Protein backbone atom coordinates (compact mmCIF):
# COMPACT_ATOMS: atom_id res chain seq x y z
CA MET A 1 -26.82 -102.54 -37.12
CA ALA A 2 -25.75 -102.36 -40.74
CA ARG A 3 -24.31 -99.21 -42.25
CA LYS A 4 -26.44 -97.00 -44.51
CA LYS A 5 -24.26 -97.46 -47.57
CA ILE A 6 -22.80 -100.58 -49.11
CA TYR A 7 -19.59 -98.78 -50.07
CA TYR A 8 -17.85 -95.73 -48.61
CA LEU A 9 -15.19 -93.84 -50.52
CA PRO A 10 -11.65 -93.84 -49.11
CA GLY A 11 -11.16 -90.85 -46.84
CA ASP A 12 -14.87 -90.69 -45.93
CA SER A 13 -14.15 -91.97 -42.42
CA GLN A 14 -12.47 -90.07 -39.57
CA THR A 15 -11.24 -91.77 -36.40
CA PHE A 16 -11.69 -90.26 -32.94
CA GLU A 17 -11.12 -91.21 -29.31
CA SER A 18 -14.20 -90.88 -27.11
CA ALA A 19 -13.97 -89.46 -23.62
CA GLY A 20 -17.61 -90.29 -22.93
CA ASN A 21 -19.05 -87.71 -25.35
CA VAL A 22 -20.85 -90.40 -27.39
CA HIS A 23 -23.08 -93.21 -26.19
CA LEU A 24 -24.49 -96.52 -27.26
CA GLU A 25 -28.13 -96.94 -28.23
CA ASN A 26 -28.96 -98.06 -24.67
CA GLY A 27 -27.64 -94.75 -23.28
CA LYS A 28 -24.39 -96.06 -21.80
CA GLN A 29 -21.43 -93.78 -22.39
CA TYR A 30 -18.82 -95.15 -24.77
CA PHE A 31 -15.12 -94.72 -24.10
CA GLY A 32 -12.57 -95.69 -26.70
CA PRO A 33 -11.86 -95.39 -30.42
CA TYR A 34 -14.70 -94.73 -32.83
CA HIS A 35 -15.10 -93.58 -36.39
CA MET A 36 -17.54 -91.32 -38.20
CA TYR A 37 -18.48 -91.18 -41.86
CA LYS A 38 -18.46 -87.63 -43.24
CA SER A 39 -20.96 -88.43 -45.98
CA THR A 40 -23.68 -89.76 -43.68
CA GLY A 41 -22.74 -88.65 -40.16
CA GLU A 42 -22.92 -92.23 -38.92
CA MET A 43 -20.69 -93.11 -35.96
CA TYR A 44 -19.57 -96.61 -34.98
CA THR A 45 -17.37 -98.14 -32.32
CA GLU A 46 -13.83 -99.20 -33.28
CA ALA A 47 -11.29 -97.19 -35.27
CA PHE A 48 -12.69 -98.64 -38.51
CA TYR A 49 -15.81 -100.63 -39.33
CA ILE A 50 -15.68 -104.31 -38.39
CA ASP A 51 -18.77 -106.23 -39.48
CA GLY A 52 -20.44 -107.87 -36.48
CA VAL A 53 -18.28 -105.96 -33.99
CA SER A 54 -18.83 -102.24 -34.63
CA VAL A 55 -21.95 -100.79 -32.99
CA GLU A 56 -23.69 -97.53 -33.89
CA LEU A 57 -23.01 -94.57 -31.57
CA PHE A 58 -25.07 -91.47 -30.80
CA THR A 59 -24.25 -87.97 -29.59
CA GLY A 60 -26.08 -86.29 -26.77
CA LYS A 61 -26.25 -86.41 -23.05
CA ASN A 62 -27.49 -89.34 -21.00
CA SER A 63 -29.48 -88.02 -18.10
CA ASP A 64 -29.07 -90.14 -14.99
CA ASN A 65 -32.75 -89.78 -14.12
CA LEU A 66 -33.84 -91.65 -17.27
CA SER A 67 -33.98 -95.42 -17.30
CA ASP A 68 -32.11 -97.26 -20.04
CA ASP A 69 -35.42 -98.42 -21.57
CA VAL A 70 -36.78 -94.86 -21.76
CA LEU A 71 -33.54 -93.56 -23.28
CA LEU A 72 -33.44 -96.41 -25.80
CA GLU A 73 -37.01 -95.67 -26.90
CA TYR A 74 -36.29 -91.92 -27.03
CA ASN A 75 -33.25 -92.51 -29.26
CA LYS A 76 -35.27 -94.65 -31.66
CA LEU A 77 -38.17 -92.19 -31.88
CA THR A 78 -36.17 -89.00 -32.24
CA LYS A 79 -33.66 -90.46 -34.66
CA ASN A 80 -36.39 -91.36 -37.13
CA PHE A 81 -38.36 -88.14 -36.56
CA PHE A 82 -35.41 -85.83 -37.15
CA LYS A 83 -34.10 -87.75 -40.14
CA LYS A 84 -37.50 -87.46 -41.83
CA ASN A 85 -38.18 -83.80 -41.02
CA PHE A 86 -34.88 -81.92 -40.97
CA LYS A 87 -32.01 -81.81 -43.38
CA GLY A 88 -28.48 -81.61 -42.20
CA TYR A 89 -26.54 -82.14 -39.04
CA PRO A 90 -23.05 -81.03 -38.08
CA ILE A 91 -20.29 -83.26 -39.38
CA HIS A 92 -16.93 -82.82 -37.67
CA TYR A 93 -14.33 -81.30 -39.98
CA ILE A 94 -10.71 -80.20 -39.67
CA PRO A 95 -9.65 -77.50 -42.15
CA PHE A 96 -6.41 -77.86 -44.06
CA PRO A 97 -5.23 -74.42 -45.23
CA LYS A 98 -3.77 -74.20 -48.73
CA LYS A 99 -0.99 -71.99 -50.07
CA ASP A 100 -3.56 -69.39 -51.18
CA ASP A 101 -4.91 -69.23 -47.62
CA TYR A 102 -1.43 -68.55 -46.22
CA ASP A 103 -0.81 -65.91 -48.89
CA ARG A 104 -4.15 -64.26 -48.00
CA GLY A 105 -3.39 -64.51 -44.25
CA TYR A 106 -6.62 -66.06 -43.03
CA ILE A 107 -9.11 -68.89 -43.42
CA ASP A 108 -12.84 -68.94 -42.93
CA ARG A 109 -13.90 -71.37 -40.22
CA TYR A 110 -17.37 -72.64 -39.40
CA VAL A 111 -18.88 -74.07 -36.22
CA ALA A 112 -22.27 -75.45 -35.28
CA PHE A 113 -23.77 -76.15 -31.88
CA GLN A 114 -27.07 -77.30 -30.45
CA SER A 115 -29.29 -74.37 -29.58
CA ASN A 116 -30.38 -76.07 -26.35
CA TYR A 117 -26.90 -77.37 -25.44
CA PRO A 118 -24.34 -74.80 -26.64
CA ILE A 119 -21.41 -76.55 -24.98
CA ASN A 120 -21.32 -79.22 -27.70
CA ILE A 121 -19.51 -77.19 -30.39
CA VAL A 122 -18.47 -78.87 -33.64
CA GLU A 123 -16.24 -77.42 -36.34
CA ILE A 124 -17.82 -78.06 -39.74
CA SER A 125 -16.95 -77.52 -43.40
CA GLU A 126 -18.24 -74.66 -45.54
CA LYS A 127 -20.39 -77.13 -47.49
CA ASN A 128 -21.90 -78.53 -44.28
CA TYR A 129 -22.43 -74.95 -43.03
CA ASN A 130 -24.40 -74.06 -46.17
CA GLU A 131 -26.47 -77.27 -46.14
CA LEU A 132 -27.27 -77.28 -42.43
CA THR A 133 -30.94 -76.28 -42.11
CA ASN A 134 -31.77 -78.24 -38.99
CA PRO A 135 -33.35 -75.74 -36.53
CA LEU A 136 -31.84 -77.61 -33.59
CA TYR A 137 -28.42 -76.28 -34.55
CA LEU A 138 -27.09 -72.76 -34.63
CA LYS A 139 -24.08 -72.03 -36.78
CA LYS A 140 -21.44 -69.35 -37.00
CA GLN A 141 -18.78 -68.38 -39.53
CA PHE A 142 -15.64 -66.49 -38.54
CA THR A 143 -12.28 -65.46 -39.97
CA TRP A 144 -9.17 -67.03 -38.42
CA LYS A 145 -5.78 -65.38 -38.91
CA ILE A 146 -3.01 -67.69 -40.10
CA GLY A 147 0.47 -67.05 -41.37
CA ARG A 148 4.04 -68.17 -41.74
CA PHE A 149 6.10 -67.10 -38.74
CA LYS A 150 8.98 -65.93 -40.93
CA TYR A 151 6.65 -63.26 -42.39
CA VAL A 152 4.17 -62.57 -39.57
CA SER A 153 4.85 -62.32 -35.84
CA LYS A 154 3.40 -64.97 -33.59
CA GLU A 155 2.13 -62.23 -31.27
CA SER A 156 0.07 -60.55 -34.00
CA ILE A 157 -1.60 -63.86 -34.86
CA ILE A 158 -2.37 -64.56 -31.20
CA GLU A 159 -3.74 -61.04 -30.70
CA ALA A 160 -6.00 -61.19 -33.79
CA ASN A 161 -7.37 -64.65 -32.98
CA GLN A 162 -7.93 -63.75 -29.31
CA LYS A 163 -10.15 -60.89 -30.54
CA VAL A 164 -12.07 -63.39 -32.67
CA VAL A 165 -12.58 -65.71 -29.69
CA ASN A 166 -13.68 -62.81 -27.49
CA SER A 167 -16.20 -61.65 -30.11
CA LEU A 168 -17.66 -65.16 -30.34
CA LYS A 169 -18.05 -65.69 -26.56
CA PRO A 170 -21.39 -63.84 -26.23
CA VAL A 171 -22.88 -65.96 -29.02
CA ILE A 172 -21.14 -69.27 -28.30
CA PRO A 173 -20.42 -69.86 -24.61
CA LYS A 174 -17.32 -71.99 -24.00
CA ILE A 175 -15.90 -71.36 -27.51
CA GLU A 176 -12.54 -70.70 -25.86
CA PHE A 177 -12.34 -74.42 -25.04
CA VAL A 178 -12.66 -75.31 -28.73
CA LEU A 179 -10.36 -72.57 -30.02
CA ARG A 180 -7.62 -72.97 -27.41
CA ASN A 181 -4.68 -72.93 -29.80
CA LEU A 182 -4.61 -69.35 -31.06
CA ILE A 183 -1.82 -70.11 -33.55
CA GLN A 184 -3.57 -73.18 -34.95
CA PHE A 185 -2.79 -73.67 -38.66
CA SER A 186 0.03 -71.12 -38.60
CA GLN A 187 3.47 -72.31 -39.60
C-alpha cells in the first residue's frame, strides 16, 4: 500500500521495535522494526520506508476467536469509518525538556488511551492532546518533576513523581508500567 503523502519532512518518522503490539492487515502480529509518521500516524514495517517492501501496520488486539478474513474485513471497514467521522488519534511522542523546563523544575506530559482498552497507553504531544477529539480515546495531562541532581535531590524527584503516578492510577490503570522511570528526564 502506498503512503498517504508523496513527501515527508525529515524528522517526521520515528522508529520502534515491535513486541507484537502492532499487526498486519490480515491480523497477524508483527515482530520487528517498524516506523511511524508523526504527521499522519501511519505505521509501516521496516525501520524506514522501502517501496515495495514496507507494509502498513495497525494497532489493536487480534482476538484468537476471529478468523483472518473477518479481521481483515473489520480493519478495512473501521479504518475508513473512523477516518471519515473522527478527528485525531494518539501519535507517540517523547518529550525533550529545554533549559526553561529544568529552571522551572517540571514539564507537562500528556497521555492518551483507548476508553475500552486502557492498557494501551500512549504518550502524546501537547498539540496532539489539544487536537485529539476522537471519542474512542481518553486523555490526561499531568505535571512531571524534573531537575538537575546537583540542585535537587534524586529522592525528592522520585517522591514527587511517585505521587503523580499514584494519583493517575485510579483514572489510568497500569500507568505505572508506562511511567516506570521516576527520574526520567532529570539530569
